[in-house]
């Protein structure tokens, strides 16, 4: 099985950095959630003083993880909704349905960017009771940001092809030269 060259198109190389940023930010969110949630439980049941910030911050981190992780999953071809049905169809129907799926993803991404931005702007002046310093609109920014990144990945897929087999996406791909050196 041949794989696309490691360099790839210049646009894909830039989107490799966006993809890696999504992966790292999503991973950091999971890591921080795994610290904050136990702290909230410890503070409430052991110290007897419930901290109010762990739950809303963890929810925000989960939202960031979800939207950035979904964008990265789309690029990696790992999003279940993208491949589940297509892989089970006869070969003649796969290409048209795959195009339809990508066009639907394009529409969903544009929807997320447009209405997510309107949501952020409309709620910017509100605050969360537990975190009065944090504008509600800021907590909704993962929606348009994740939609925009997904939009970039959809356009990349439509114009430059599938990127799911690139080395940056498939960490398990090792060049023959690296195998020989190991």
N, C-alpha and C. Protein backbone atom coordinates (compact mmCIF):
# COMPACT_ATOMS: atom_id res chain seq x y z
N UNK A 1 0.86 -1.18 0.00
CA UNK A 1 0.00 0.00 0.00
C UNK A 1 0.90 1.23 0.00
N UNK A 2 0.71 2.09 -0.97
CA UNK A 2 1.53 3.30 -1.02
C UNK A 2 0.84 4.41 -0.24
N UNK A 3 1.67 5.27 0.34
CA UNK A 3 1.18 6.37 1.14
C UNK A 3 1.62 7.67 0.51
N UNK A 4 0.83 8.72 0.67
CA UNK A 4 1.22 10.02 0.14
C UNK A 4 2.58 10.44 0.69
N UNK A 5 3.28 11.24 -0.09
CA UNK A 5 4.60 11.69 0.34
C UNK A 5 4.50 12.46 1.65
N UNK A 6 5.54 12.36 2.49
CA UNK A 6 5.49 13.03 3.78
C UNK A 6 5.32 14.54 3.66
N UNK A 7 5.89 15.13 2.62
CA UNK A 7 5.79 16.58 2.44
C UNK A 7 4.38 17.01 2.09
N UNK A 8 3.87 16.46 1.00
CA UNK A 8 2.53 16.80 0.56
C UNK A 8 2.42 18.21 0.03
N UNK A 9 1.23 18.60 -0.27
CA UNK A 9 0.91 19.94 -0.77
C UNK A 9 1.20 20.97 0.31
N UNK A 10 1.64 22.18 -0.05
CA UNK A 10 1.91 23.21 0.97
C UNK A 10 0.71 23.51 1.87
N UNK A 11 -0.49 23.49 1.32
CA UNK A 11 -1.69 23.72 2.14
C UNK A 11 -1.84 22.58 3.15
N UNK A 12 -1.60 21.36 2.70
CA UNK A 12 -1.71 20.22 3.61
C UNK A 12 -0.66 20.29 4.71
N UNK A 13 0.52 20.79 4.39
CA UNK A 13 1.56 20.93 5.42
C UNK A 13 1.13 21.93 6.49
N UNK A 14 0.47 23.02 6.07
CA UNK A 14 -0.04 23.99 7.05
C UNK A 14 -1.16 23.35 7.86
N UNK A 15 -2.03 22.62 7.19
CA UNK A 15 -3.12 21.96 7.90
C UNK A 15 -2.63 20.82 8.79
N UNK A 16 -1.44 20.28 8.49
CA UNK A 16 -0.83 19.32 9.42
C UNK A 16 -0.60 19.98 10.77
N UNK A 17 -0.14 21.22 10.75
CA UNK A 17 0.10 21.95 12.00
C UNK A 17 -1.21 22.23 12.73
N UNK A 18 -2.25 22.57 11.97
CA UNK A 18 -3.57 22.78 12.57
C UNK A 18 -4.07 21.48 13.18
N UNK A 19 -3.91 20.38 12.46
CA UNK A 19 -4.32 19.07 12.95
C UNK A 19 -3.59 18.72 14.24
N UNK A 20 -2.27 18.90 14.24
CA UNK A 20 -1.49 18.60 15.45
C UNK A 20 -1.90 19.50 16.62
N UNK A 21 -2.19 20.76 16.33
CA UNK A 21 -2.66 21.66 17.39
C UNK A 21 -3.98 21.16 17.96
N UNK A 22 -4.88 20.71 17.10
CA UNK A 22 -6.16 20.15 17.57
C UNK A 22 -5.92 18.95 18.48
N UNK A 23 -5.04 18.06 18.07
CA UNK A 23 -4.75 16.86 18.85
C UNK A 23 -4.16 17.24 20.21
N UNK A 24 -3.20 18.15 20.22
CA UNK A 24 -2.55 18.53 21.47
C UNK A 24 -3.49 19.28 22.40
N UNK A 25 -4.29 20.19 21.85
CA UNK A 25 -5.23 20.93 22.70
C UNK A 25 -6.29 19.99 23.26
N UNK A 26 -6.80 19.09 22.41
CA UNK A 26 -7.80 18.12 22.88
C UNK A 26 -7.20 17.24 23.97
N UNK A 27 -5.96 16.80 23.78
CA UNK A 27 -5.29 15.98 24.79
C UNK A 27 -5.09 16.74 26.09
N UNK A 28 -4.70 18.01 25.98
CA UNK A 28 -4.52 18.84 27.18
C UNK A 28 -5.84 19.00 27.92
N UNK A 29 -6.93 19.15 27.17
CA UNK A 29 -8.25 19.28 27.81
C UNK A 29 -8.60 18.03 28.60
N UNK A 30 -8.37 16.86 28.01
CA UNK A 30 -8.65 15.60 28.72
C UNK A 30 -7.78 15.49 29.97
N UNK A 31 -6.50 15.85 29.82
CA UNK A 31 -5.59 15.78 30.97
C UNK A 31 -6.07 16.70 32.10
N UNK A 32 -6.41 17.94 31.76
CA UNK A 32 -6.85 18.89 32.78
C UNK A 32 -8.17 18.45 33.42
N UNK A 33 -9.08 17.92 32.60
CA UNK A 33 -10.34 17.42 33.16
C UNK A 33 -10.06 16.30 34.17
N UNK A 34 -9.07 15.46 33.87
CA UNK A 34 -8.78 14.34 34.78
C UNK A 34 -8.15 14.84 36.09
N UNK A 35 -7.69 16.08 36.12
CA UNK A 35 -7.20 16.67 37.36
C UNK A 35 -8.30 17.44 38.09
N UNK A 36 -9.07 18.22 37.34
CA UNK A 36 -10.05 19.12 37.95
C UNK A 36 -11.24 18.38 38.56
N UNK A 37 -11.74 17.36 37.90
CA UNK A 37 -12.91 16.64 38.41
C UNK A 37 -12.59 15.95 39.74
N UNK A 38 -11.48 15.21 39.83
CA UNK A 38 -11.16 14.64 41.15
C UNK A 38 -10.92 15.71 42.23
N UNK A 39 -10.35 16.85 41.85
CA UNK A 39 -10.16 17.92 42.83
C UNK A 39 -11.52 18.39 43.36
N UNK A 40 -12.49 18.55 42.48
CA UNK A 40 -13.82 18.96 42.91
C UNK A 40 -14.44 17.96 43.87
N UNK A 41 -14.26 16.69 43.58
CA UNK A 41 -14.80 15.64 44.46
C UNK A 41 -14.05 15.64 45.80
N UNK A 42 -12.74 15.75 45.74
CA UNK A 42 -11.93 15.79 46.96
C UNK A 42 -12.31 16.99 47.83
N UNK A 43 -12.43 18.15 47.19
CA UNK A 43 -12.77 19.37 47.95
C UNK A 43 -14.13 19.25 48.59
N UNK A 44 -15.08 18.66 47.90
CA UNK A 44 -16.43 18.56 48.45
C UNK A 44 -16.53 17.53 49.56
N UNK A 45 -16.00 16.32 49.33
CA UNK A 45 -16.25 15.23 50.28
C UNK A 45 -15.16 15.05 51.33
N UNK A 46 -13.95 15.49 51.07
CA UNK A 46 -12.88 15.33 52.05
C UNK A 46 -12.66 16.62 52.82
N UNK A 47 -12.54 17.72 52.09
CA UNK A 47 -12.30 19.00 52.74
C UNK A 47 -13.57 19.66 53.25
N UNK A 48 -14.71 19.23 52.72
CA UNK A 48 -15.99 19.79 53.13
C UNK A 48 -16.24 21.20 52.60
N UNK A 49 -15.43 21.64 51.66
CA UNK A 49 -15.63 22.97 51.04
C UNK A 49 -15.68 22.77 49.54
N UNK A 50 -16.83 22.74 48.99
CA UNK A 50 -16.97 22.52 47.56
C UNK A 50 -16.41 23.67 46.74
N UNK A 51 -15.48 23.36 45.86
CA UNK A 51 -14.99 24.36 44.91
C UNK A 51 -16.02 24.50 43.81
N UNK A 52 -16.32 25.72 43.43
CA UNK A 52 -17.33 25.93 42.40
C UNK A 52 -16.77 25.89 40.98
N UNK A 53 -15.49 26.05 40.81
CA UNK A 53 -14.93 26.16 39.48
C UNK A 53 -14.67 24.85 38.74
N UNK A 54 -14.42 23.69 39.40
CA UNK A 54 -14.05 22.50 38.63
C UNK A 54 -15.11 22.04 37.63
N UNK A 55 -16.37 22.07 38.02
CA UNK A 55 -17.40 21.58 37.11
C UNK A 55 -17.56 22.45 35.86
N UNK A 56 -17.76 23.78 35.98
CA UNK A 56 -17.91 24.56 34.75
C UNK A 56 -16.65 24.59 33.89
N UNK A 57 -15.48 24.59 34.52
CA UNK A 57 -14.24 24.57 33.73
C UNK A 57 -14.10 23.23 33.02
N UNK A 58 -14.44 22.14 33.69
CA UNK A 58 -14.37 20.82 33.07
C UNK A 58 -15.36 20.69 31.92
N UNK A 59 -16.53 21.27 32.08
CA UNK A 59 -17.51 21.25 30.98
C UNK A 59 -16.97 22.03 29.79
N UNK A 60 -16.39 23.18 30.04
CA UNK A 60 -15.79 23.97 28.96
C UNK A 60 -14.66 23.18 28.27
N UNK A 61 -13.82 22.52 29.05
CA UNK A 61 -12.75 21.71 28.48
C UNK A 61 -13.32 20.56 27.64
N UNK A 62 -14.43 19.98 28.09
CA UNK A 62 -15.06 18.91 27.33
C UNK A 62 -15.60 19.42 26.00
N UNK A 63 -16.15 20.63 26.01
CA UNK A 63 -16.65 21.22 24.77
C UNK A 63 -15.50 21.48 23.80
N UNK A 64 -14.40 22.02 24.31
CA UNK A 64 -13.22 22.26 23.46
C UNK A 64 -12.72 20.94 22.90
N UNK A 65 -12.58 19.95 23.76
CA UNK A 65 -12.14 18.62 23.33
C UNK A 65 -13.06 18.06 22.24
N UNK A 66 -14.35 18.21 22.44
CA UNK A 66 -15.32 17.65 21.49
C UNK A 66 -15.20 18.27 20.11
N UNK A 67 -15.19 19.60 20.02
CA UNK A 67 -15.20 20.24 18.71
C UNK A 67 -13.85 20.16 18.00
N UNK A 68 -12.75 20.28 18.73
CA UNK A 68 -11.44 20.14 18.10
C UNK A 68 -11.15 18.68 17.78
N UNK A 69 -11.56 17.79 18.68
CA UNK A 69 -11.38 16.36 18.44
C UNK A 69 -12.19 15.88 17.25
N UNK A 70 -13.39 16.41 17.09
CA UNK A 70 -14.22 16.02 15.93
C UNK A 70 -13.57 16.48 14.63
N UNK A 71 -13.00 17.68 14.62
CA UNK A 71 -12.32 18.17 13.42
C UNK A 71 -11.13 17.27 13.09
N UNK A 72 -10.33 16.94 14.09
CA UNK A 72 -9.19 16.06 13.87
C UNK A 72 -9.64 14.67 13.41
N UNK A 73 -10.71 14.18 13.99
CA UNK A 73 -11.24 12.87 13.60
C UNK A 73 -11.70 12.86 12.16
N UNK A 74 -12.30 13.97 11.73
CA UNK A 74 -12.73 14.06 10.34
C UNK A 74 -11.52 13.95 9.41
N UNK A 75 -10.48 14.71 9.70
CA UNK A 75 -9.29 14.67 8.83
C UNK A 75 -8.67 13.28 8.83
N UNK A 76 -8.66 12.63 9.96
CA UNK A 76 -8.06 11.30 10.07
C UNK A 76 -8.95 10.21 9.49
N UNK A 77 -10.17 10.57 9.06
CA UNK A 77 -11.08 9.57 8.52
C UNK A 77 -11.59 8.63 9.60
N UNK A 78 -11.55 9.08 10.85
CA UNK A 78 -11.92 8.22 11.97
C UNK A 78 -13.28 8.55 12.56
N UNK A 79 -13.94 9.55 12.02
CA UNK A 79 -15.25 9.93 12.53
C UNK A 79 -16.26 8.90 12.03
N UNK A 80 -16.93 8.23 12.94
CA UNK A 80 -17.78 7.10 12.60
C UNK A 80 -18.86 7.46 11.57
N UNK A 81 -19.40 8.66 11.66
CA UNK A 81 -20.47 9.05 10.74
C UNK A 81 -19.97 9.20 9.32
N UNK A 82 -18.70 9.42 9.13
CA UNK A 82 -18.16 9.65 7.80
C UNK A 82 -17.95 8.34 7.05
N UNK A 83 -17.51 7.30 7.70
CA UNK A 83 -17.12 6.09 7.00
C UNK A 83 -18.01 4.88 7.21
N UNK A 84 -18.81 4.87 8.24
CA UNK A 84 -19.55 3.66 8.60
C UNK A 84 -20.44 3.17 7.45
N UNK A 85 -21.28 4.03 6.92
CA UNK A 85 -22.21 3.62 5.86
C UNK A 85 -21.49 3.41 4.54
N UNK A 86 -20.57 4.29 4.21
CA UNK A 86 -19.89 4.24 2.92
C UNK A 86 -19.14 2.92 2.74
N UNK A 87 -18.49 2.44 3.76
CA UNK A 87 -17.69 1.22 3.66
C UNK A 87 -18.55 -0.02 3.44
N UNK A 88 -19.84 0.08 3.70
CA UNK A 88 -20.71 -1.08 3.58
C UNK A 88 -21.51 -1.11 2.28
N UNK A 89 -21.25 -0.17 1.41
CA UNK A 89 -21.96 -0.10 0.14
C UNK A 89 -21.17 -0.76 -0.98
N UNK A 90 -21.85 -1.11 -2.07
CA UNK A 90 -21.12 -1.62 -3.24
C UNK A 90 -20.15 -0.54 -3.75
N UNK A 91 -19.08 -0.98 -4.37
CA UNK A 91 -18.01 -0.07 -4.82
C UNK A 91 -18.54 1.04 -5.73
N UNK A 92 -19.53 0.75 -6.56
CA UNK A 92 -20.04 1.74 -7.50
C UNK A 92 -20.75 2.90 -6.79
N UNK A 93 -21.30 2.64 -5.62
CA UNK A 93 -22.04 3.68 -4.89
C UNK A 93 -21.17 4.45 -3.90
N UNK A 94 -19.98 3.98 -3.63
CA UNK A 94 -19.14 4.61 -2.59
C UNK A 94 -18.72 6.03 -2.94
N UNK A 95 -18.22 6.25 -4.13
CA UNK A 95 -17.70 7.58 -4.49
C UNK A 95 -18.78 8.66 -4.47
N UNK A 96 -19.96 8.42 -5.09
CA UNK A 96 -20.98 9.47 -5.02
C UNK A 96 -21.48 9.74 -3.60
N UNK A 97 -21.63 8.68 -2.81
CA UNK A 97 -22.09 8.88 -1.44
C UNK A 97 -21.01 9.57 -0.59
N UNK A 98 -19.76 9.22 -0.83
CA UNK A 98 -18.66 9.88 -0.10
C UNK A 98 -18.65 11.37 -0.41
N UNK A 99 -18.86 11.72 -1.67
CA UNK A 99 -18.93 13.14 -2.05
C UNK A 99 -20.10 13.81 -1.35
N UNK A 100 -21.24 13.15 -1.31
CA UNK A 100 -22.41 13.70 -0.63
C UNK A 100 -22.12 13.90 0.87
N UNK A 101 -21.45 12.95 1.50
CA UNK A 101 -21.10 13.08 2.92
C UNK A 101 -20.21 14.30 3.13
N UNK A 102 -19.21 14.47 2.27
CA UNK A 102 -18.30 15.60 2.42
C UNK A 102 -19.02 16.93 2.17
N UNK A 103 -19.95 16.94 1.23
CA UNK A 103 -20.73 18.17 1.00
C UNK A 103 -21.64 18.46 2.19
N UNK A 104 -22.20 17.42 2.79
CA UNK A 104 -23.01 17.63 4.00
C UNK A 104 -22.13 18.15 5.14
N UNK A 105 -20.93 17.61 5.26
CA UNK A 105 -20.00 18.10 6.28
C UNK A 105 -19.63 19.55 6.01
N UNK A 106 -19.50 19.91 4.75
CA UNK A 106 -19.24 21.30 4.38
C UNK A 106 -20.38 22.19 4.88
N UNK A 107 -21.61 21.75 4.64
CA UNK A 107 -22.78 22.50 5.10
C UNK A 107 -22.85 22.61 6.61
N UNK A 108 -22.58 21.52 7.31
CA UNK A 108 -22.59 21.54 8.77
C UNK A 108 -21.51 22.48 9.30
N UNK A 109 -20.35 22.45 8.67
CA UNK A 109 -19.25 23.32 9.11
C UNK A 109 -19.60 24.79 8.92
N UNK A 110 -20.16 25.12 7.78
CA UNK A 110 -20.56 26.51 7.53
C UNK A 110 -21.63 26.93 8.54
N UNK A 111 -22.58 26.04 8.81
CA UNK A 111 -23.61 26.31 9.82
C UNK A 111 -22.99 26.59 11.17
N UNK A 112 -22.03 25.76 11.58
CA UNK A 112 -21.37 25.94 12.88
C UNK A 112 -20.62 27.26 12.95
N UNK A 113 -19.95 27.62 11.87
CA UNK A 113 -19.19 28.87 11.87
C UNK A 113 -20.14 30.06 11.96
N UNK A 114 -21.16 30.06 11.12
CA UNK A 114 -22.07 31.21 11.05
C UNK A 114 -22.89 31.36 12.34
N UNK A 115 -23.61 30.31 12.69
CA UNK A 115 -24.48 30.41 13.86
C UNK A 115 -23.70 30.35 15.17
N UNK A 116 -22.57 29.67 15.18
CA UNK A 116 -21.72 29.68 16.36
C UNK A 116 -21.17 31.06 16.65
N UNK A 117 -20.78 31.78 15.59
CA UNK A 117 -20.29 33.15 15.76
C UNK A 117 -21.41 34.05 16.26
N UNK A 118 -22.62 33.90 15.69
CA UNK A 118 -23.75 34.69 16.17
C UNK A 118 -24.05 34.39 17.64
N UNK A 119 -23.95 33.13 18.02
CA UNK A 119 -24.19 32.74 19.41
C UNK A 119 -23.14 33.38 20.33
N UNK A 120 -21.89 33.35 19.93
CA UNK A 120 -20.83 33.96 20.74
C UNK A 120 -21.07 35.45 20.92
N UNK A 121 -21.37 36.12 19.83
CA UNK A 121 -21.58 37.57 19.90
C UNK A 121 -22.82 37.90 20.73
N UNK A 122 -23.87 37.11 20.59
CA UNK A 122 -25.11 37.38 21.30
C UNK A 122 -25.04 37.14 22.80
N UNK A 123 -24.09 36.31 23.23
CA UNK A 123 -24.00 35.98 24.66
C UNK A 123 -22.74 36.52 25.32
N UNK A 124 -21.98 37.35 24.59
CA UNK A 124 -20.71 37.82 25.13
C UNK A 124 -20.89 38.65 26.41
N UNK A 125 -21.95 39.37 26.53
CA UNK A 125 -22.16 40.23 27.69
C UNK A 125 -22.66 39.49 28.93
N UNK A 126 -22.98 38.21 28.80
CA UNK A 126 -23.47 37.43 29.94
C UNK A 126 -22.30 36.75 30.64
N UNK A 127 -22.51 36.39 31.90
CA UNK A 127 -21.45 35.67 32.62
C UNK A 127 -22.02 34.43 33.28
N UNK A 128 -21.13 33.52 33.58
CA UNK A 128 -21.49 32.28 34.27
C UNK A 128 -21.50 32.58 35.78
N UNK A 129 -22.55 32.22 36.50
CA UNK A 129 -22.62 32.53 37.92
C UNK A 129 -21.40 32.03 38.73
N UNK A 130 -20.94 30.82 38.43
CA UNK A 130 -19.80 30.27 39.17
C UNK A 130 -18.48 30.94 38.78
N UNK A 131 -18.44 31.51 37.57
CA UNK A 131 -17.21 32.14 37.06
C UNK A 131 -17.58 33.51 36.47
N UNK A 132 -17.84 34.49 37.31
CA UNK A 132 -18.33 35.77 36.79
C UNK A 132 -17.33 36.51 35.88
N UNK A 133 -16.08 36.13 35.91
CA UNK A 133 -15.06 36.76 35.07
C UNK A 133 -15.06 36.19 33.65
N UNK A 134 -15.80 35.10 33.41
CA UNK A 134 -15.78 34.41 32.12
C UNK A 134 -17.05 34.71 31.33
N UNK A 135 -16.93 35.43 30.19
CA UNK A 135 -18.12 35.69 29.37
C UNK A 135 -18.69 34.39 28.79
N UNK A 136 -19.99 34.27 28.78
CA UNK A 136 -20.63 33.08 28.22
C UNK A 136 -20.26 32.93 26.75
N UNK A 137 -20.19 34.05 26.04
CA UNK A 137 -19.81 34.00 24.62
C UNK A 137 -18.47 33.34 24.39
N UNK A 138 -17.54 33.54 25.30
CA UNK A 138 -16.23 32.91 25.17
C UNK A 138 -16.34 31.40 25.31
N UNK A 139 -17.24 30.94 26.14
CA UNK A 139 -17.40 29.49 26.32
C UNK A 139 -17.98 28.82 25.08
N UNK A 140 -18.64 29.60 24.21
CA UNK A 140 -19.19 29.05 22.98
C UNK A 140 -18.22 29.12 21.81
N UNK A 141 -17.06 29.73 21.97
CA UNK A 141 -16.13 29.86 20.84
C UNK A 141 -15.64 28.54 20.27
N UNK A 142 -15.60 27.44 21.03
CA UNK A 142 -15.20 26.18 20.38
C UNK A 142 -16.13 25.77 19.23
N UNK A 143 -17.36 26.24 19.25
CA UNK A 143 -18.30 25.86 18.17
C UNK A 143 -17.85 26.46 16.84
N UNK A 144 -17.71 27.79 16.72
CA UNK A 144 -17.28 28.31 15.42
C UNK A 144 -15.82 27.97 15.09
N UNK A 145 -14.96 27.89 16.10
CA UNK A 145 -13.56 27.54 15.83
C UNK A 145 -13.48 26.10 15.32
N UNK A 146 -14.14 25.18 16.00
CA UNK A 146 -14.15 23.79 15.53
C UNK A 146 -14.81 23.66 14.17
N UNK A 147 -15.88 24.43 13.94
CA UNK A 147 -16.53 24.42 12.63
C UNK A 147 -15.61 24.93 11.54
N UNK A 148 -14.84 25.98 11.83
CA UNK A 148 -13.92 26.54 10.85
C UNK A 148 -12.79 25.56 10.53
N UNK A 149 -12.26 24.92 11.55
CA UNK A 149 -11.19 23.94 11.31
C UNK A 149 -11.73 22.75 10.53
N UNK A 150 -12.93 22.29 10.88
CA UNK A 150 -13.54 21.21 10.11
C UNK A 150 -13.77 21.64 8.67
N UNK A 151 -14.22 22.87 8.47
CA UNK A 151 -14.41 23.42 7.13
C UNK A 151 -13.10 23.37 6.34
N UNK A 152 -12.00 23.76 6.97
CA UNK A 152 -10.70 23.69 6.29
C UNK A 152 -10.36 22.26 5.90
N UNK A 153 -10.61 21.31 6.81
CA UNK A 153 -10.30 19.92 6.53
C UNK A 153 -11.21 19.34 5.44
N UNK A 154 -12.47 19.77 5.41
CA UNK A 154 -13.39 19.32 4.35
C UNK A 154 -12.91 19.85 3.00
N UNK A 155 -12.58 21.13 2.94
CA UNK A 155 -12.10 21.70 1.68
C UNK A 155 -10.80 21.03 1.24
N UNK A 156 -9.93 20.75 2.19
CA UNK A 156 -8.70 20.03 1.86
C UNK A 156 -9.03 18.68 1.26
N UNK A 157 -9.97 17.97 1.86
CA UNK A 157 -10.35 16.65 1.35
C UNK A 157 -10.94 16.75 -0.05
N UNK A 158 -11.80 17.74 -0.26
CA UNK A 158 -12.45 17.88 -1.56
C UNK A 158 -11.46 18.27 -2.67
N UNK A 159 -10.50 19.12 -2.35
CA UNK A 159 -9.60 19.63 -3.39
C UNK A 159 -8.25 18.92 -3.45
N UNK A 160 -7.79 18.37 -2.34
CA UNK A 160 -6.47 17.74 -2.32
C UNK A 160 -6.52 16.25 -2.04
N UNK A 161 -7.71 15.75 -1.74
CA UNK A 161 -7.86 14.32 -1.52
C UNK A 161 -7.80 13.93 -0.05
N UNK A 162 -7.96 12.65 0.18
CA UNK A 162 -7.97 12.08 1.52
C UNK A 162 -6.59 12.24 2.16
N UNK A 163 -6.57 12.72 3.38
CA UNK A 163 -5.31 12.92 4.11
C UNK A 163 -5.13 11.90 5.23
N UNK A 164 -6.02 10.95 5.32
CA UNK A 164 -6.02 10.05 6.48
C UNK A 164 -4.83 9.09 6.51
N UNK A 165 -4.13 8.93 5.40
CA UNK A 165 -2.99 8.02 5.39
C UNK A 165 -1.65 8.73 5.49
N UNK A 166 -1.69 10.04 5.69
CA UNK A 166 -0.43 10.79 5.84
C UNK A 166 0.22 10.42 7.17
N UNK A 167 1.53 10.53 7.19
CA UNK A 167 2.28 10.14 8.39
C UNK A 167 1.89 10.96 9.61
N UNK A 168 1.58 12.24 9.43
CA UNK A 168 1.21 13.09 10.57
C UNK A 168 -0.11 12.64 11.19
N UNK A 169 -0.95 12.03 10.39
CA UNK A 169 -2.24 11.56 10.88
C UNK A 169 -2.12 10.13 11.41
N UNK A 170 -1.39 9.31 10.70
CA UNK A 170 -1.21 7.91 11.09
C UNK A 170 0.13 7.75 11.78
N UNK A 171 0.14 7.94 13.08
CA UNK A 171 1.38 7.85 13.84
C UNK A 171 2.01 6.47 13.77
N UNK A 172 1.21 5.47 13.38
CA UNK A 172 1.72 4.11 13.33
C UNK A 172 2.48 3.82 12.04
N UNK A 173 2.49 4.75 11.08
CA UNK A 173 3.23 4.54 9.84
C UNK A 173 4.70 4.85 10.09
N UNK A 174 5.52 3.88 9.79
CA UNK A 174 6.96 4.05 9.95
C UNK A 174 7.60 3.78 8.60
N UNK A 175 8.47 4.69 8.18
CA UNK A 175 9.19 4.48 6.91
C UNK A 175 10.09 3.27 7.04
N UNK A 176 10.35 2.64 5.90
CA UNK A 176 11.23 1.48 5.87
C UNK A 176 12.62 1.86 6.39
N UNK A 177 13.07 3.08 6.12
CA UNK A 177 14.40 3.50 6.59
C UNK A 177 14.43 3.58 8.11
N UNK A 178 13.34 4.00 8.71
CA UNK A 178 13.29 4.06 10.17
C UNK A 178 13.24 2.66 10.77
N UNK A 179 12.57 1.74 10.09
CA UNK A 179 12.54 0.36 10.58
C UNK A 179 13.92 -0.26 10.55
N UNK A 180 14.64 0.01 9.48
CA UNK A 180 16.00 -0.53 9.37
C UNK A 180 16.93 0.05 10.40
N UNK A 181 16.71 1.32 10.79
CA UNK A 181 17.57 1.97 11.76
C UNK A 181 17.25 1.52 13.18
N UNK A 182 16.04 1.02 13.38
CA UNK A 182 15.63 0.63 14.74
C UNK A 182 16.20 -0.68 15.18
